[in-house]
Amino acid sequence: MWKGSVTTLARVAVLASLAIASAGAQGGTDPALEAKARAIHDRVIALDTHVDIDPRNFTSQHPNYTDRLSTQVNLPKMLEGGLDAVFFSIYVGQGPLTPEGFKSAYDADMEKFAAVHTLAEQLAPDKIEIAYRADDIAKISAKGKKVALMGVENAYGIGTDLTNI
């Protein structure tokens, strides 16, 4: 398990990515460099900080997020690519600044929160778990599970009612 700071972790992950990309851009791979980059990647928690989602991909109907979809990120691709954790984006585009607009955005936000909970609690609880605190990330990863985080983007769904936070 990684014992360094988050800043150091980020630097190490970037350097590993650059080493892999550089080797590929040079038309070939340097086995020693690739092995070093792979060793770094295997030691850190690989995190995608922005994954757009469609709640329709998080239902018990197949295909769903547990299947290999045409989406950029899903559980099979996370497993294949060594991606350990993702921030699911709870995002609704800006609309009318009216009670009806805020209500519609709030409902859409809640649908996305519910979708991630469905994935982690019903569809694949053996493969992915929701982290609520920063220290949950390492604990979940140590169990061999993928980590689901959620980030609200735009805050349109909060509207003017701060009790929606």
C-alpha atoms as a PDB file:
ATOM      1  CA  MET A   1       0.000   0.000   0.000  1.00  0.00           C
ATOM      2  CA  TRP A   2       1.210   3.506  -0.836  1.00  0.00           C
ATOM      3  CA  LYS A   3       2.537   5.394   2.203  1.00  0.00           C
ATOM      4  CA  GLY A   4       3.491   8.730   0.589  1.00  0.00           C
ATOM      5  CA  SER A   5       1.564  11.966   0.370  1.00  0.00           C
ATOM      6  CA  VAL A   6      -1.179  12.586  -2.173  1.00  0.00           C
ATOM      7  CA  THR A   7       1.085  15.100  -3.953  1.00  0.00           C
ATOM      8  CA  THR A   8       3.886  12.561  -4.195  1.00  0.00           C
ATOM      9  CA  LEU A   9       1.410   9.932  -5.368  1.00  0.00           C
ATOM     10  CA  ALA A  10       0.187  12.247  -8.111  1.00  0.00           C
ATOM     11  CA  ARG A  11       3.753  12.995  -9.237  1.00  0.00           C
ATOM     12  CA  VAL A  12       4.664   9.305  -9.323  1.00  0.00           C
ATOM     13  CA  ALA A  13       1.539   8.436 -11.309  1.00  0.00           C
ATOM     14  CA  VAL A  14       2.230  11.224 -13.822  1.00  0.00           C
ATOM     15  CA  LEU A  15       5.842  10.119 -14.233  1.00  0.00           C
ATOM     16  CA  ALA A  16       4.763   6.518 -14.793  1.00  0.00           C
ATOM     17  CA  SER A  17       2.228   7.615 -17.400  1.00  0.00           C
ATOM     18  CA  LEU A  18       4.784   9.804 -19.146  1.00  0.00           C
ATOM     19  CA  ALA A  19       7.316   6.990 -19.196  1.00  0.00           C
ATOM     20  CA  ILE A  20       4.830   4.619 -20.819  1.00  0.00           C
ATOM     21  CA  ALA A  21       3.677   7.267 -23.310  1.00  0.00           C
ATOM     22  CA  SER A  22       7.249   8.263 -24.131  1.00  0.00           C
ATOM     23  CA  ALA A  23       8.247   4.678 -24.805  1.00  0.00           C
ATOM     24  CA  GLY A  24       5.281   4.211 -27.135  1.00  0.00           C
ATOM     25  CA  ALA A  25       5.909   7.527 -28.941  1.00  0.00           C
ATOM     26  CA  GLN A  26       9.477   6.490 -29.716  1.00  0.00           C
ATOM     27  CA  GLY A  27       8.186   3.683 -31.904  1.00  0.00           C
ATOM     28  CA  GLY A  28       9.158   0.938 -29.525  1.00  0.00           C
ATOM     29  CA  THR A  29       9.310   0.105 -25.904  1.00  0.00           C
ATOM     30  CA  ASP A  30      12.246  -0.038 -23.587  1.00  0.00           C
ATOM     31  CA  PRO A  31      11.551  -3.160 -21.516  1.00  0.00           C
ATOM     32  CA  ALA A  32      13.367  -1.807 -18.460  1.00  0.00           C
ATOM     33  CA  LEU A  33      11.517   1.507 -18.598  1.00  0.00           C
ATOM     34  CA  GLU A  34       8.206  -0.228 -19.169  1.00  0.00           C
ATOM     35  CA  ALA A  35       8.851  -2.578 -16.234  1.00  0.00           C
ATOM     36  CA  LYS A  36       9.724   0.383 -13.998  1.00  0.00           C
ATOM     37  CA  ALA A  37       6.572   2.238 -15.051  1.00  0.00           C
ATOM     38  CA  ARG A  38       4.461  -0.909 -14.513  1.00  0.00           C
ATOM     39  CA  ALA A  39       5.953  -1.380 -11.033  1.00  0.00           C
ATOM     40  CA  ILE A  40       5.024   2.209 -10.142  1.00  0.00           C
ATOM     41  CA  HIS A  41       1.529   1.762 -11.552  1.00  0.00           C
ATOM     42  CA  ASP A  42       1.055  -1.420  -9.538  1.00  0.00           C
ATOM     43  CA  ARG A  43       2.077   0.340  -6.297  1.00  0.00           C
ATOM     44  CA  VAL A  44      -0.230   3.340  -6.584  1.00  0.00           C
ATOM     45  CA  ILE A  45      -3.977   3.771  -6.702  1.00  0.00           C
ATOM     46  CA  ALA A  46      -4.840   4.813 -10.256  1.00  0.00           C
ATOM     47  CA  LEU A  47      -7.627   7.404 -10.133  1.00  0.00           C
ATOM     48  CA  ASP A  48      -9.810   8.971 -12.832  1.00  0.00           C
ATOM     49  CA  THR A  49     -11.121  12.256 -11.443  1.00  0.00           C
ATOM     50  CA  HIS A  50     -14.014  12.762 -13.882  1.00  0.00           C
ATOM     51  CA  VAL A  51     -16.297  10.043 -15.262  1.00  0.00           C
ATOM     52  CA  ASP A  52     -19.530  11.209 -16.866  1.00  0.00           C
ATOM     53  CA  ILE A  53     -22.393   8.790 -16.310  1.00  0.00           C
ATOM     54  CA  ASP A  54     -25.801   7.969 -17.675  1.00  0.00           C
ATOM     55  CA  PRO A  55     -28.093   6.440 -15.023  1.00  0.00           C
ATOM     56  CA  ARG A  56     -29.563   4.143 -17.703  1.00  0.00           C
ATOM     57  CA  ASN A  57     -26.251   2.211 -17.586  1.00  0.00           C
ATOM     58  CA  PHE A  58     -26.689   1.461 -13.868  1.00  0.00           C
ATOM     59  CA  THR A  59     -29.812  -0.689 -13.844  1.00  0.00           C
ATOM     60  CA  SER A  60     -30.298  -4.414 -13.346  1.00  0.00           C
ATOM     61  CA  GLN A  61     -31.091  -4.691 -17.067  1.00  0.00           C
ATOM     62  CA  HIS A  62     -28.215  -5.735 -19.313  1.00  0.00           C
ATOM     63  CA  PRO A  63     -26.167  -4.243 -20.685  1.00  0.00           C
ATOM     64  CA  ASN A  64     -25.223  -2.202 -17.637  1.00  0.00           C
ATOM     65  CA  TYR A  65     -22.057  -0.774 -16.074  1.00  0.00           C
ATOM     66  CA  THR A  66     -20.873  -4.280 -15.135  1.00  0.00           C
ATOM     67  CA  ASP A  67     -20.682  -5.102 -18.863  1.00  0.00           C
ATOM     68  CA  ARG A  68     -18.181  -3.894 -21.431  1.00  0.00           C
ATOM     69  CA  LEU A  69     -20.092  -0.904 -22.813  1.00  0.00           C
ATOM     70  CA  SER A  70     -19.136   1.643 -25.427  1.00  0.00           C
ATOM     71  CA  THR A  71     -18.770   4.152 -22.571  1.00  0.00           C
ATOM     72  CA  GLN A  72     -15.291   5.380 -21.793  1.00  0.00           C
ATOM     73  CA  VAL A  73     -15.263   3.780 -18.346  1.00  0.00           C
ATOM     74  CA  ASN A  74     -17.040   0.714 -16.962  1.00  0.00           C
ATOM     75  CA  LEU A  75     -16.098  -2.128 -14.632  1.00  0.00           C
ATOM     76  CA  PRO A  76     -14.598  -4.472 -17.266  1.00  0.00           C
ATOM     77  CA  LYS A  77     -12.437  -1.650 -18.647  1.00  0.00           C
ATOM     78  CA  MET A  78     -11.381  -0.646 -15.129  1.00  0.00           C
ATOM     79  CA  LEU A  79     -10.269  -4.211 -14.454  1.00  0.00           C
ATOM     80  CA  GLU A  80      -8.454  -4.541 -17.788  1.00  0.00           C
ATOM     81  CA  GLY A  81      -6.732  -1.163 -17.548  1.00  0.00           C
ATOM     82  CA  GLY A  82      -5.738  -1.230 -13.898  1.00  0.00           C
ATOM     83  CA  LEU A  83      -7.949   1.725 -12.974  1.00  0.00           C
ATOM     84  CA  ASP A  84      -8.580   1.516  -9.241  1.00  0.00           C
ATOM     85  CA  ALA A  85     -10.862   4.447  -8.456  1.00  0.00           C
ATOM     86  CA  VAL A  86     -13.185   6.843 -10.260  1.00  0.00           C
ATOM     87  CA  PHE A  87     -15.038  10.019  -9.428  1.00  0.00           C
ATOM     88  CA  PHE A  88     -18.483   9.628 -10.950  1.00  0.00           C
ATOM     89  CA  SER A  89     -19.586  13.078 -12.068  1.00  0.00           C
ATOM     90  CA  ILE A  90     -22.937  14.149 -10.657  1.00  0.00           C
ATOM     91  CA  TYR A  91     -23.580  16.785 -13.296  1.00  0.00           C
ATOM     92  CA  VAL A  92     -26.634  18.435 -14.785  1.00  0.00           C
ATOM     93  CA  GLY A  93     -26.233  21.210 -17.346  1.00  0.00           C
ATOM     94  CA  GLN A  94     -27.378  24.694 -16.476  1.00  0.00           C
ATOM     95  CA  GLY A  95     -31.021  25.379 -17.199  1.00  0.00           C
ATOM     96  CA  PRO A  96     -33.604  27.938 -16.151  1.00  0.00           C
ATOM     97  CA  LEU A  97     -33.025  29.559 -12.775  1.00  0.00           C
ATOM     98  CA  THR A  98     -36.586  28.882 -11.672  1.00  0.00           C
ATOM     99  CA  PRO A  99     -38.079  26.644  -8.990  1.00  0.00           C
ATOM    100  CA  GLU A 100     -39.020  24.166 -11.747  1.00  0.00           C
ATOM    101  CA  GLY A 101     -35.502  24.243 -13.234  1.00  0.00           C
ATOM    102  CA  PHE A 102     -33.860  23.706  -9.851  1.00  0.00           C
ATOM    103  CA  LYS A 103     -36.282  20.857  -9.051  1.00  0.00           C
ATOM    104  CA  SER A 104     -35.578  19.142 -12.358  1.00  0.00           C
ATOM    105  CA  ALA A 105     -31.807  19.448 -11.809  1.00  0.00           C
ATOM    106  CA  TYR A 106     -32.105  18.205  -8.224  1.00  0.00           C
ATOM    107  CA  ASP A 107     -34.067  15.156  -9.404  1.00  0.00           C
ATOM    108  CA  ALA A 108     -31.455  14.427 -12.088  1.00  0.00           C
ATOM    109  CA  ASP A 109     -28.653  14.712  -9.509  1.00  0.00           C
ATOM    110  CA  MET A 110     -30.472  12.324  -7.164  1.00  0.00           C
ATOM    111  CA  GLU A 111     -30.938   9.864 -10.034  1.00  0.00           C
ATOM    112  CA  LYS A 112     -27.162   9.855 -10.617  1.00  0.00           C
ATOM    113  CA  PHE A 113     -26.403   9.385  -6.907  1.00  0.00           C
ATOM    114  CA  ALA A 114     -28.892   6.491  -6.822  1.00  0.00           C
ATOM    115  CA  ALA A 115     -27.301   4.961  -9.937  1.00  0.00           C
ATOM    116  CA  VAL A 116     -23.854   4.800  -8.317  1.00  0.00           C
ATOM    117  CA  HIS A 117     -25.388   3.323  -5.150  1.00  0.00           C
ATOM    118  CA  THR A 118     -27.176   0.709  -7.266  1.00  0.00           C
ATOM    119  CA  LEU A 119     -23.887  -0.260  -8.898  1.00  0.00           C
ATOM    120  CA  ALA A 120     -21.979  -0.562  -5.624  1.00  0.00           C
ATOM    121  CA  GLU A 121     -24.725  -2.028  -3.461  1.00  0.00           C
ATOM    122  CA  GLN A 122     -26.728  -4.241  -5.834  1.00  0.00           C
ATOM    123  CA  LEU A 123     -25.045  -4.862  -9.193  1.00  0.00           C
ATOM    124  CA  ALA A 124     -21.432  -5.418  -8.179  1.00  0.00           C
ATOM    125  CA  PRO A 125     -20.879  -5.130  -4.413  1.00  0.00           C
ATOM    126  CA  ASP A 126     -18.079  -7.682  -4.703  1.00  0.00           C
ATOM    127  CA  LYS A 127     -16.231  -5.524  -7.266  1.00  0.00           C
ATOM    128  CA  ILE A 128     -16.767  -1.876  -6.295  1.00  0.00           C
ATOM    129  CA  GLU A 129     -17.500   0.091  -3.128  1.00  0.00           C
ATOM    130  CA  ILE A 130     -18.310   3.726  -2.409  1.00  0.00           C
ATOM    131  CA  ALA A 131     -15.729   5.795  -0.533  1.00  0.00           C
ATOM    132  CA  TYR A 132     -17.176   8.498   1.691  1.00  0.00           C
ATOM    133  CA  ARG A 133     -13.893   9.694   3.203  1.00  0.00           C
ATOM    134  CA  ALA A 134     -10.390   9.983   1.801  1.00  0.00           C
ATOM    135  CA  ASP A 135      -9.076   7.164   4.001  1.00  0.00           C
ATOM    136  CA  ASP A 136     -11.800   4.838   2.638  1.00  0.00           C
ATOM    137  CA  ILE A 137      -9.974   4.766  -0.704  1.00  0.00           C
ATOM    138  CA  ALA A 138      -6.964   2.793   0.539  1.00  0.00           C
ATOM    139  CA  LYS A 139      -9.151   0.534   2.693  1.00  0.00           C
ATOM    140  CA  ILE A 140     -11.429  -0.388  -0.220  1.00  0.00           C
ATOM    141  CA  SER A 141      -8.510  -0.833  -2.601  1.00  0.00           C
ATOM    142  CA  ALA A 142      -6.790  -3.142  -0.083  1.00  0.00           C
ATOM    143  CA  LYS A 143      -9.875  -5.389  -0.270  1.00  0.00           C
ATOM    144  CA  GLY A 144      -9.244  -5.799  -4.000  1.00  0.00           C
ATOM    145  CA  LYS A 145     -12.296  -3.745  -4.949  1.00  0.00           C
ATOM    146  CA  LYS A 146     -12.613  -0.752  -7.243  1.00  0.00           C
ATOM    147  CA  VAL A 147     -13.423   2.550  -5.551  1.00  0.00           C
ATOM    148  CA  ALA A 148     -16.427   4.706  -6.417  1.00  0.00           C
ATOM    149  CA  LEU A 149     -16.357   8.358  -5.454  1.00  0.00           C
ATOM    150  CA  MET A 150     -18.897  10.988  -6.415  1.00  0.00           C
ATOM    151  CA  GLY A 151     -18.339  14.645  -7.156  1.00  0.00           C
ATOM    152  CA  VAL A 152     -21.062  17.209  -7.720  1.00  0.00           C
ATOM    153  CA  GLU A 153     -20.288  19.477 -10.621  1.00  0.00           C
ATOM    154  CA  ASN A 154     -22.116  22.738 -11.301  1.00  0.00           C
ATOM    155  CA  ALA A 155     -24.338  22.614  -8.172  1.00  0.00           C
ATOM    156  CA  TYR A 156     -27.346  23.643 -10.265  1.00  0.00           C
ATOM    157  CA  GLY A 157     -29.363  20.941  -8.502  1.00  0.00           C
ATOM    158  CA  ILE A 158     -28.785  22.592  -5.136  1.00  0.00           C
ATOM    159  CA  GLY A 159     -30.696  25.615  -6.391  1.00  0.00           C
ATOM    160  CA  THR A 160     -31.367  28.269  -3.795  1.00  0.00           C
ATOM    161  CA  ASP A 161     -32.150  25.757  -1.037  1.00  0.00           C
ATOM    162  CA  LEU A 162     -28.958  25.098   0.912  1.00  0.00           C
ATOM    163  CA  THR A 163     -30.651  22.230   2.749  1.00  0.00           C
ATOM    164  CA  ASN A 164     -30.130  20.292  -0.521  1.00  0.00           C
ATOM    165  CA  ILE A 165     -26.416  20.036   0.283  1.00  0.00           C
END
